[in-house]
Structures are given as structure tokens and as C-alpha cells.
Amino acid sequence: MLDELKNSPFKALASLGKTFCQWKEEIVRMWRFRKSNGITEGFHRKMKLIQRRAYGFRNFENYRTRVRVLCC
């Protein structure tokens, strides 16, 4: 099927086939292990939001305390 996509006369399908072939191992791993870094990304997003709202804390300890309160 991937060969059919890569040899397609349509540029978009040929490009899709090439992309799938290049990322084949990663795609298989995604379905095999089913792990995500969503929780980490969520915490990172909250930390960025805290930083934007604060416009800079007076010291790092205040920032760290705020992150711990809101993320844990």
C-alpha cells in the first residue's frame, strides 16, 4: 500500500506515501507502546500561563511555590 501511495500520479498522495515511509518506525511504536507525554505537556502549559500572568515574580522561590500550588 505504501508503494502505491509513493508511486501515485497525484503529488499529494506521493508526498503522503513518502512521509509514511520515513516515519514508519515511529508510527508503529506509537501504536505498540501507547504512551503519551500529555501530562508533562499540561504541566508545562500551566507553568507558562503562570509566568505570563505574573509578569515576573520578585524571586524564583515565589514562582516555584505558585507552580507547586497550581500543578500539584
N, C-alpha and C. Protein backbone atom coordinates (compact mmCIF):
# COMPACT_ATOMS: atom_id res chain seq x y z
N MET A 1 0.82 -1.19 0.00
CA MET A 1 0.00 0.00 0.00
C MET A 1 0.87 1.27 0.00
N LEU A 2 1.95 1.23 0.77
CA LEU A 2 2.83 2.40 0.80
C LEU A 2 3.48 2.63 -0.56
N ASP A 3 3.82 1.54 -1.24
CA ASP A 3 4.41 1.68 -2.57
C ASP A 3 3.41 2.30 -3.55
N GLU A 4 2.14 1.93 -3.41
CA GLU A 4 1.11 2.51 -4.28
C GLU A 4 0.99 4.01 -4.03
N LEU A 5 1.04 4.40 -2.76
CA LEU A 5 0.97 5.83 -2.45
C LEU A 5 2.18 6.57 -3.01
N LYS A 6 3.36 6.01 -2.79
CA LYS A 6 4.59 6.68 -3.26
C LYS A 6 4.62 6.81 -4.79
N ASN A 7 4.02 5.85 -5.49
CA ASN A 7 4.03 5.87 -6.96
C ASN A 7 2.78 6.48 -7.56
N SER A 8 1.98 7.13 -6.74
CA SER A 8 0.74 7.74 -7.21
C SER A 8 1.04 8.91 -8.16
N PRO A 9 0.19 9.12 -9.16
CA PRO A 9 0.39 10.25 -10.07
C PRO A 9 0.04 11.59 -9.40
N PHE A 10 -0.65 11.53 -8.29
CA PHE A 10 -1.03 12.75 -7.57
C PHE A 10 0.09 13.12 -6.60
N LYS A 11 0.53 14.37 -6.68
CA LYS A 11 1.66 14.81 -5.84
C LYS A 11 1.36 14.67 -4.35
N ALA A 12 0.14 15.02 -3.96
CA ALA A 12 -0.20 14.97 -2.54
C ALA A 12 -0.13 13.54 -2.00
N LEU A 13 -0.64 12.58 -2.76
CA LEU A 13 -0.59 11.19 -2.31
C LEU A 13 0.83 10.64 -2.32
N ALA A 14 1.62 11.02 -3.31
CA ALA A 14 3.01 10.58 -3.36
C ALA A 14 3.79 11.14 -2.17
N SER A 15 3.51 12.39 -1.82
CA SER A 15 4.16 13.01 -0.67
C SER A 15 3.74 12.32 0.63
N LEU A 16 2.46 11.98 0.72
CA LEU A 16 1.96 11.27 1.90
C LEU A 16 2.63 9.91 2.04
N GLY A 17 2.76 9.19 0.93
CA GLY A 17 3.42 7.89 0.96
C GLY A 17 4.88 8.00 1.39
N LYS A 18 5.55 9.01 0.90
CA LYS A 18 6.96 9.24 1.27
C LYS A 18 7.07 9.54 2.77
N THR A 19 6.17 10.37 3.26
CA THR A 19 6.18 10.73 4.68
C THR A 19 5.92 9.50 5.55
N PHE A 20 4.93 8.69 5.17
CA PHE A 20 4.65 7.47 5.93
C PHE A 20 5.86 6.54 5.96
N CYS A 21 6.54 6.41 4.84
CA CYS A 21 7.72 5.54 4.80
C CYS A 21 8.83 6.07 5.70
N GLN A 22 9.01 7.37 5.74
CA GLN A 22 10.06 7.96 6.57
C GLN A 22 9.74 7.83 8.06
N TRP A 23 8.47 7.88 8.43
CA TRP A 23 8.06 7.85 9.82
C TRP A 23 7.47 6.50 10.24
N LYS A 24 7.68 5.48 9.44
CA LYS A 24 7.07 4.17 9.66
C LYS A 24 7.37 3.61 11.05
N GLU A 25 8.63 3.60 11.45
CA GLU A 25 9.01 3.03 12.75
C GLU A 25 8.37 3.80 13.90
N GLU A 26 8.35 5.12 13.82
CA GLU A 26 7.77 5.93 14.88
C GLU A 26 6.27 5.69 14.99
N ILE A 27 5.60 5.57 13.85
CA ILE A 27 4.15 5.32 13.86
C ILE A 27 3.85 3.97 14.48
N VAL A 28 4.63 2.96 14.14
CA VAL A 28 4.43 1.62 14.72
C VAL A 28 4.67 1.66 16.22
N ARG A 29 5.72 2.36 16.66
CA ARG A 29 5.99 2.47 18.10
C ARG A 29 4.85 3.15 18.84
N MET A 30 4.26 4.17 18.22
CA MET A 30 3.15 4.88 18.86
C MET A 30 2.01 3.92 19.16
N TRP A 31 1.67 3.06 18.22
CA TRP A 31 0.56 2.12 18.42
C TRP A 31 0.97 0.96 19.32
N ARG A 32 2.25 0.62 19.34
CA ARG A 32 2.69 -0.51 20.14
C ARG A 32 2.77 -0.17 21.63
N PHE A 33 3.33 0.97 21.96
CA PHE A 33 3.56 1.31 23.36
C PHE A 33 2.46 2.15 23.97
N ARG A 34 1.73 2.91 23.19
CA ARG A 34 0.59 3.72 23.65
C ARG A 34 0.93 4.59 24.87
N LYS A 35 2.05 5.22 24.85
CA LYS A 35 2.41 6.14 25.93
C LYS A 35 2.37 7.56 25.39
N SER A 36 2.08 8.48 26.27
CA SER A 36 1.96 9.87 25.85
C SER A 36 2.65 10.77 26.87
N ASN A 37 3.09 11.91 26.42
CA ASN A 37 3.67 12.89 27.34
C ASN A 37 2.67 14.01 27.60
N GLY A 38 1.39 13.71 27.47
CA GLY A 38 0.35 14.71 27.65
C GLY A 38 0.34 15.35 29.02
N ILE A 39 0.58 14.57 30.06
CA ILE A 39 0.59 15.12 31.42
C ILE A 39 1.72 16.12 31.58
N THR A 40 2.89 15.77 31.09
CA THR A 40 4.04 16.68 31.15
C THR A 40 3.76 17.95 30.37
N GLU A 41 3.18 17.81 29.19
CA GLU A 41 2.86 18.99 28.37
C GLU A 41 1.83 19.87 29.09
N GLY A 42 0.88 19.26 29.79
CA GLY A 42 -0.11 20.03 30.54
C GLY A 42 0.52 20.85 31.65
N PHE A 43 1.44 20.23 32.40
CA PHE A 43 2.14 20.96 33.46
C PHE A 43 2.96 22.10 32.87
N HIS A 44 3.62 21.84 31.74
CA HIS A 44 4.43 22.87 31.10
C HIS A 44 3.56 24.04 30.67
N ARG A 45 2.38 23.75 30.15
CA ARG A 45 1.46 24.81 29.74
C ARG A 45 1.01 25.65 30.94
N LYS A 46 0.71 24.98 32.06
CA LYS A 46 0.30 25.71 33.26
C LYS A 46 1.42 26.62 33.75
N MET A 47 2.65 26.12 33.71
CA MET A 47 3.79 26.93 34.15
C MET A 47 3.96 28.16 33.28
N LYS A 48 3.78 28.00 31.97
CA LYS A 48 3.89 29.16 31.08
C LYS A 48 2.77 30.16 31.35
N LEU A 49 1.57 29.66 31.63
CA LEU A 49 0.45 30.54 31.94
C LEU A 49 0.72 31.33 33.22
N ILE A 50 1.24 30.66 34.24
CA ILE A 50 1.59 31.34 35.49
C ILE A 50 2.61 32.43 35.23
N GLN A 51 3.60 32.13 34.42
CA GLN A 51 4.65 33.09 34.11
C GLN A 51 4.08 34.30 33.37
N ARG A 52 3.16 34.06 32.43
CA ARG A 52 2.56 35.17 31.68
C ARG A 52 1.72 36.06 32.59
N ARG A 53 0.96 35.44 33.48
CA ARG A 53 0.09 36.22 34.37
C ARG A 53 0.89 37.03 35.38
N ALA A 54 2.04 36.53 35.78
CA ALA A 54 2.81 37.16 36.85
C ALA A 54 3.64 38.33 36.38
N TYR A 55 4.00 38.36 35.10
CA TYR A 55 4.91 39.39 34.58
C TYR A 55 6.17 39.46 35.41
N GLY A 56 6.61 38.30 35.88
CA GLY A 56 7.86 38.22 36.64
C GLY A 56 7.62 38.30 38.13
N PHE A 57 8.05 37.29 38.84
CA PHE A 57 7.96 37.31 40.30
C PHE A 57 9.20 38.00 40.85
N ARG A 58 9.13 38.40 42.09
CA ARG A 58 10.27 39.09 42.70
C ARG A 58 11.45 38.14 42.86
N ASN A 59 11.17 36.88 43.11
CA ASN A 59 12.25 35.90 43.19
C ASN A 59 11.75 34.54 42.71
N PHE A 60 12.68 33.65 42.46
CA PHE A 60 12.35 32.34 41.91
C PHE A 60 11.54 31.51 42.88
N GLU A 61 11.77 31.67 44.17
CA GLU A 61 11.06 30.87 45.17
C GLU A 61 9.55 31.13 45.11
N ASN A 62 9.16 32.38 44.89
CA ASN A 62 7.73 32.69 44.76
C ASN A 62 7.13 32.01 43.53
N TYR A 63 7.87 32.02 42.44
CA TYR A 63 7.41 31.36 41.21
C TYR A 63 7.26 29.86 41.44
N ARG A 64 8.27 29.26 42.06
CA ARG A 64 8.24 27.82 42.31
C ARG A 64 7.08 27.44 43.23
N THR A 65 6.82 28.24 44.24
CA THR A 65 5.70 27.98 45.14
C THR A 65 4.38 28.04 44.38
N ARG A 66 4.21 29.02 43.53
CA ARG A 66 2.98 29.16 42.75
C ARG A 66 2.79 27.96 41.82
N VAL A 67 3.85 27.50 41.19
CA VAL A 67 3.77 26.33 40.30
C VAL A 67 3.35 25.10 41.09
N ARG A 68 3.95 24.90 42.25
CA ARG A 68 3.61 23.72 43.06
C ARG A 68 2.16 23.76 43.53
N VAL A 69 1.67 24.92 43.89
CA VAL A 69 0.29 25.03 44.36
C VAL A 69 -0.69 24.73 43.23
N LEU A 70 -0.44 25.27 42.05
CA LEU A 70 -1.40 25.12 40.96
C LEU A 70 -1.26 23.82 40.18
N CYS A 71 -0.10 23.20 40.19
CA CYS A 71 0.10 21.98 39.39
C CYS A 71 -0.01 20.69 40.20
N CYS A 72 0.08 20.77 41.48
CA CYS A 72 0.08 19.52 42.27
C CYS A 72 -1.18 19.29 43.03
